[in-house]
N, C-alpha and C. Protein backbone atom coordinates (compact mmCIF):
# COMPACT_ATOMS: atom_id res chain seq x y z
N MET A 1 -7.54 -10.02 7.05
CA MET A 1 -7.37 -9.29 5.81
C MET A 1 -8.16 -9.98 4.71
N GLN A 2 -8.88 -9.19 3.93
CA GLN A 2 -9.77 -9.77 2.93
C GLN A 2 -9.27 -9.64 1.50
N GLY A 3 -8.42 -8.66 1.23
CA GLY A 3 -8.01 -8.43 -0.15
C GLY A 3 -6.53 -8.59 -0.36
N SER A 4 -6.13 -8.39 -1.60
CA SER A 4 -4.72 -8.53 -1.95
C SER A 4 -4.09 -7.19 -2.31
N LYS A 5 -4.85 -6.09 -2.13
CA LYS A 5 -4.32 -4.77 -2.44
C LYS A 5 -3.89 -4.08 -1.15
N LEU A 6 -2.68 -3.54 -1.15
CA LEU A 6 -2.11 -2.92 0.03
C LEU A 6 -1.89 -1.43 -0.16
N TYR A 7 -2.16 -0.68 0.87
CA TYR A 7 -1.81 0.74 0.96
C TYR A 7 -0.41 0.80 1.55
N VAL A 8 0.48 1.57 0.92
CA VAL A 8 1.84 1.74 1.42
C VAL A 8 2.05 3.23 1.65
N GLY A 9 2.18 3.63 2.91
CA GLY A 9 2.28 5.04 3.26
C GLY A 9 3.60 5.41 3.91
N ASN A 10 3.75 6.70 4.13
CA ASN A 10 4.94 7.30 4.73
C ASN A 10 6.18 7.02 3.89
N LEU A 11 6.00 7.10 2.57
CA LEU A 11 7.11 6.84 1.65
C LEU A 11 7.93 8.09 1.40
N ASN A 12 9.20 7.89 1.19
CA ASN A 12 10.08 8.95 0.74
C ASN A 12 9.58 9.37 -0.65
N TYR A 13 9.58 10.65 -0.94
CA TYR A 13 9.04 11.15 -2.21
C TYR A 13 9.86 10.73 -3.43
N THR A 14 11.04 10.14 -3.21
CA THR A 14 11.85 9.70 -4.34
C THR A 14 11.59 8.24 -4.72
N ILE A 15 10.77 7.54 -3.97
CA ILE A 15 10.47 6.13 -4.24
C ILE A 15 9.70 6.02 -5.55
N THR A 16 10.05 5.00 -6.34
CA THR A 16 9.35 4.75 -7.61
C THR A 16 8.50 3.48 -7.49
N ALA A 17 7.57 3.33 -8.41
CA ALA A 17 6.75 2.12 -8.46
C ALA A 17 7.62 0.90 -8.68
N GLU A 18 8.67 1.03 -9.47
CA GLU A 18 9.57 -0.08 -9.74
C GLU A 18 10.27 -0.55 -8.46
N GLU A 19 10.63 0.41 -7.60
CA GLU A 19 11.25 0.05 -6.32
C GLU A 19 10.27 -0.70 -5.42
N LEU A 20 9.01 -0.30 -5.44
CA LEU A 20 8.00 -1.02 -4.66
C LEU A 20 7.83 -2.44 -5.19
N VAL A 21 7.81 -2.59 -6.51
CA VAL A 21 7.69 -3.93 -7.10
C VAL A 21 8.85 -4.81 -6.64
N THR A 22 10.06 -4.28 -6.71
CA THR A 22 11.24 -5.05 -6.29
C THR A 22 11.14 -5.46 -4.83
N LEU A 23 10.78 -4.53 -3.97
CA LEU A 23 10.69 -4.80 -2.53
C LEU A 23 9.59 -5.82 -2.22
N PHE A 24 8.40 -5.61 -2.76
CA PHE A 24 7.27 -6.48 -2.44
C PHE A 24 7.39 -7.84 -3.13
N SER A 25 8.13 -7.93 -4.22
CA SER A 25 8.32 -9.20 -4.92
C SER A 25 9.07 -10.22 -4.06
N GLU A 26 9.76 -9.76 -3.04
CA GLU A 26 10.44 -10.67 -2.13
C GLU A 26 9.44 -11.47 -1.30
N HIS A 27 8.17 -11.06 -1.33
CA HIS A 27 7.14 -11.70 -0.50
C HIS A 27 6.01 -12.30 -1.33
N GLY A 28 6.16 -12.31 -2.65
CA GLY A 28 5.14 -12.88 -3.52
C GLY A 28 5.13 -12.20 -4.87
N THR A 29 4.12 -12.51 -5.65
CA THR A 29 3.99 -11.96 -6.99
C THR A 29 3.23 -10.64 -6.94
N VAL A 30 3.84 -9.61 -7.49
CA VAL A 30 3.21 -8.29 -7.54
C VAL A 30 2.46 -8.16 -8.86
N ILE A 31 1.18 -7.87 -8.79
CA ILE A 31 0.36 -7.68 -9.98
C ILE A 31 0.49 -6.25 -10.49
N ASN A 32 0.51 -5.30 -9.55
CA ASN A 32 0.55 -3.89 -9.92
C ASN A 32 1.09 -3.08 -8.74
N ALA A 33 1.79 -2.01 -9.05
CA ALA A 33 2.24 -1.07 -8.02
C ALA A 33 2.17 0.33 -8.61
N ASN A 34 1.67 1.26 -7.83
CA ASN A 34 1.67 2.65 -8.29
C ASN A 34 1.90 3.59 -7.11
N ILE A 35 2.49 4.71 -7.43
CA ILE A 35 2.79 5.76 -6.45
C ILE A 35 1.90 6.96 -6.76
N ILE A 36 1.34 7.56 -5.75
CA ILE A 36 0.59 8.79 -5.92
C ILE A 36 1.62 9.92 -5.78
N GLU A 37 1.98 10.52 -6.89
CA GLU A 37 3.06 11.51 -6.92
C GLU A 37 2.80 12.69 -5.99
N GLY A 38 3.83 13.06 -5.27
CA GLY A 38 3.76 14.21 -4.39
C GLY A 38 2.95 14.00 -3.12
N LYS A 39 2.54 12.77 -2.85
CA LYS A 39 1.71 12.49 -1.67
C LYS A 39 2.39 11.58 -0.66
N GLY A 40 3.43 10.84 -1.08
CA GLY A 40 4.14 9.98 -0.14
C GLY A 40 3.45 8.67 0.15
N PHE A 41 2.57 8.23 -0.75
CA PHE A 41 1.96 6.92 -0.57
C PHE A 41 1.66 6.29 -1.92
N GLY A 42 1.34 5.01 -1.87
CA GLY A 42 1.02 4.29 -3.09
C GLY A 42 0.27 3.02 -2.75
N PHE A 43 0.11 2.18 -3.78
CA PHE A 43 -0.63 0.93 -3.61
C PHE A 43 0.11 -0.19 -4.31
N VAL A 44 0.07 -1.37 -3.70
CA VAL A 44 0.66 -2.56 -4.29
C VAL A 44 -0.40 -3.65 -4.27
N GLU A 45 -0.60 -4.28 -5.42
CA GLU A 45 -1.53 -5.40 -5.49
C GLU A 45 -0.74 -6.68 -5.66
N MET A 46 -0.95 -7.59 -4.73
CA MET A 46 -0.29 -8.89 -4.75
C MET A 46 -1.21 -9.90 -5.45
N SER A 47 -0.66 -11.05 -5.84
CA SER A 47 -1.45 -12.02 -6.60
C SER A 47 -2.51 -12.74 -5.77
N ASN A 48 -2.32 -12.78 -4.44
CA ASN A 48 -3.36 -13.39 -3.60
C ASN A 48 -3.28 -12.82 -2.18
N GLN A 49 -4.30 -13.15 -1.42
CA GLN A 49 -4.43 -12.60 -0.07
C GLN A 49 -3.32 -13.04 0.86
N SER A 50 -2.89 -14.28 0.78
CA SER A 50 -1.85 -14.76 1.70
C SER A 50 -0.52 -14.06 1.44
N GLU A 51 -0.20 -13.78 0.18
CA GLU A 51 1.02 -13.03 -0.13
C GLU A 51 0.93 -11.60 0.39
N ALA A 52 -0.25 -11.00 0.27
CA ALA A 52 -0.45 -9.64 0.77
C ALA A 52 -0.28 -9.61 2.29
N GLU A 53 -0.83 -10.60 2.98
CA GLU A 53 -0.69 -10.66 4.43
C GLU A 53 0.77 -10.82 4.83
N GLU A 54 1.50 -11.66 4.13
CA GLU A 54 2.92 -11.88 4.42
C GLU A 54 3.71 -10.59 4.21
N ALA A 55 3.47 -9.90 3.09
CA ALA A 55 4.17 -8.65 2.81
C ALA A 55 3.85 -7.61 3.88
N LYS A 56 2.60 -7.52 4.26
CA LYS A 56 2.20 -6.56 5.31
C LYS A 56 2.92 -6.86 6.61
N LYS A 57 2.94 -8.12 6.99
CA LYS A 57 3.57 -8.54 8.24
C LYS A 57 5.07 -8.21 8.24
N LYS A 58 5.73 -8.47 7.14
CA LYS A 58 7.18 -8.28 7.06
C LYS A 58 7.60 -6.83 6.84
N LEU A 59 6.79 -6.06 6.11
CA LEU A 59 7.23 -4.72 5.70
C LEU A 59 6.66 -3.56 6.50
N ASP A 60 5.54 -3.75 7.18
CA ASP A 60 4.96 -2.65 7.96
C ASP A 60 5.95 -2.22 9.05
N GLY A 61 6.32 -0.97 9.04
CA GLY A 61 7.26 -0.43 10.03
C GLY A 61 8.71 -0.53 9.61
N SER A 62 8.99 -1.22 8.51
CA SER A 62 10.39 -1.33 8.06
C SER A 62 10.81 -0.04 7.37
N PHE A 63 12.10 0.20 7.34
CA PHE A 63 12.62 1.45 6.79
C PHE A 63 12.99 1.30 5.32
N LEU A 64 12.61 2.28 4.54
CA LEU A 64 12.96 2.37 3.13
C LEU A 64 13.35 3.81 2.86
N LYS A 65 14.58 4.00 2.47
CA LYS A 65 15.13 5.33 2.21
C LYS A 65 14.87 6.29 3.37
N GLY A 66 15.14 5.80 4.59
CA GLY A 66 15.09 6.65 5.77
C GLY A 66 13.72 6.88 6.38
N ARG A 67 12.69 6.22 5.87
CA ARG A 67 11.35 6.41 6.44
C ARG A 67 10.71 5.07 6.77
N ALA A 68 10.01 5.02 7.89
CA ALA A 68 9.32 3.79 8.29
C ALA A 68 8.00 3.69 7.52
N MET A 69 7.91 2.69 6.68
CA MET A 69 6.70 2.50 5.86
C MET A 69 5.53 2.04 6.70
N ARG A 70 4.36 2.42 6.29
CA ARG A 70 3.11 1.92 6.85
C ARG A 70 2.47 1.08 5.76
N VAL A 71 2.23 -0.18 6.07
CA VAL A 71 1.61 -1.08 5.10
C VAL A 71 0.33 -1.62 5.72
N ASN A 72 -0.78 -1.38 5.06
CA ASN A 72 -2.09 -1.82 5.52
C ASN A 72 -2.91 -2.30 4.34
N GLU A 73 -3.96 -3.03 4.63
CA GLU A 73 -4.89 -3.41 3.58
C GLU A 73 -5.53 -2.13 3.03
N ALA A 74 -5.57 -2.03 1.71
CA ALA A 74 -6.19 -0.86 1.08
C ALA A 74 -7.69 -0.93 1.28
N ARG A 75 -8.27 0.20 1.62
CA ARG A 75 -9.73 0.29 1.77
C ARG A 75 -10.33 0.69 0.45
N SER A 76 -11.51 0.18 0.15
CA SER A 76 -12.19 0.58 -1.08
C SER A 76 -12.63 2.03 -0.96
N ARG A 77 -12.79 2.68 -2.07
CA ARG A 77 -13.18 4.09 -2.06
C ARG A 77 -14.48 4.31 -1.30
N LYS A 78 -15.43 3.42 -1.47
CA LYS A 78 -16.73 3.61 -0.81
C LYS A 78 -16.64 3.48 0.70
N ASN A 79 -15.63 2.79 1.22
CA ASN A 79 -15.50 2.61 2.66
C ASN A 79 -14.63 3.66 3.34
N ARG A 80 -13.99 4.53 2.58
CA ARG A 80 -13.11 5.51 3.18
C ARG A 80 -13.87 6.61 3.89
N TYR A 81 -15.03 6.95 3.42
CA TYR A 81 -15.77 8.08 3.99
C TYR A 81 -17.00 7.64 4.77
N GLY A 82 -17.24 6.37 4.85
CA GLY A 82 -18.38 5.87 5.60
C GLY A 82 -19.63 5.76 4.75
N HIS A 83 -20.14 4.59 4.59
CA HIS A 83 -21.39 4.29 3.92
C HIS A 83 -21.46 4.81 2.47
N GLY A 84 -20.33 4.88 1.80
CA GLY A 84 -20.32 5.18 0.39
C GLY A 84 -20.49 6.64 0.03
N ARG A 85 -20.56 7.53 1.02
CA ARG A 85 -20.72 8.96 0.71
C ARG A 85 -19.73 9.75 1.52
N ARG A 86 -19.34 10.86 0.96
CA ARG A 86 -18.47 11.77 1.72
C ARG A 86 -19.31 12.47 2.78
N ALA A 87 -18.68 12.72 3.89
CA ALA A 87 -19.37 13.45 4.95
C ALA A 87 -19.65 14.88 4.47
N ALA A 88 -20.78 15.38 4.81
CA ALA A 88 -21.15 16.74 4.41
C ALA A 88 -20.20 17.74 5.05
N ARG A 89 -19.78 18.69 4.26
CA ARG A 89 -18.90 19.74 4.79
C ARG A 89 -19.78 20.83 5.43
N ARG A 90 -19.32 21.33 6.54
CA ARG A 90 -20.11 22.35 7.23
C ARG A 90 -19.40 23.65 7.23
C-alpha cells in the first residue's frame, strides 16, 4: 500500500462521516472522512500509511450496521480508467 487514503465501500446508506471517523480512529488518526451520498461508499484519509494499512487489515470485511465493509487503498482519479483517460464509449 502506497497511500494513506482508503476507499470504504458497501456501506449502509445511513452511515455518516462522523461514524467513519469514530470507527477508523480506533486504528490511528483520521485526517478526513467523507461519504458519497446515495452511493454507499466513502473515503477515509489516515495520518500515515502504516495507520491506513492497519485500519484496512482490521476493518475490511467487518460488519457495520448489517453490511460487510470493503476497505481498500483509494485509487487516484487518473488510475481508475487506465492511463489517465476514460475509455471511449462505443
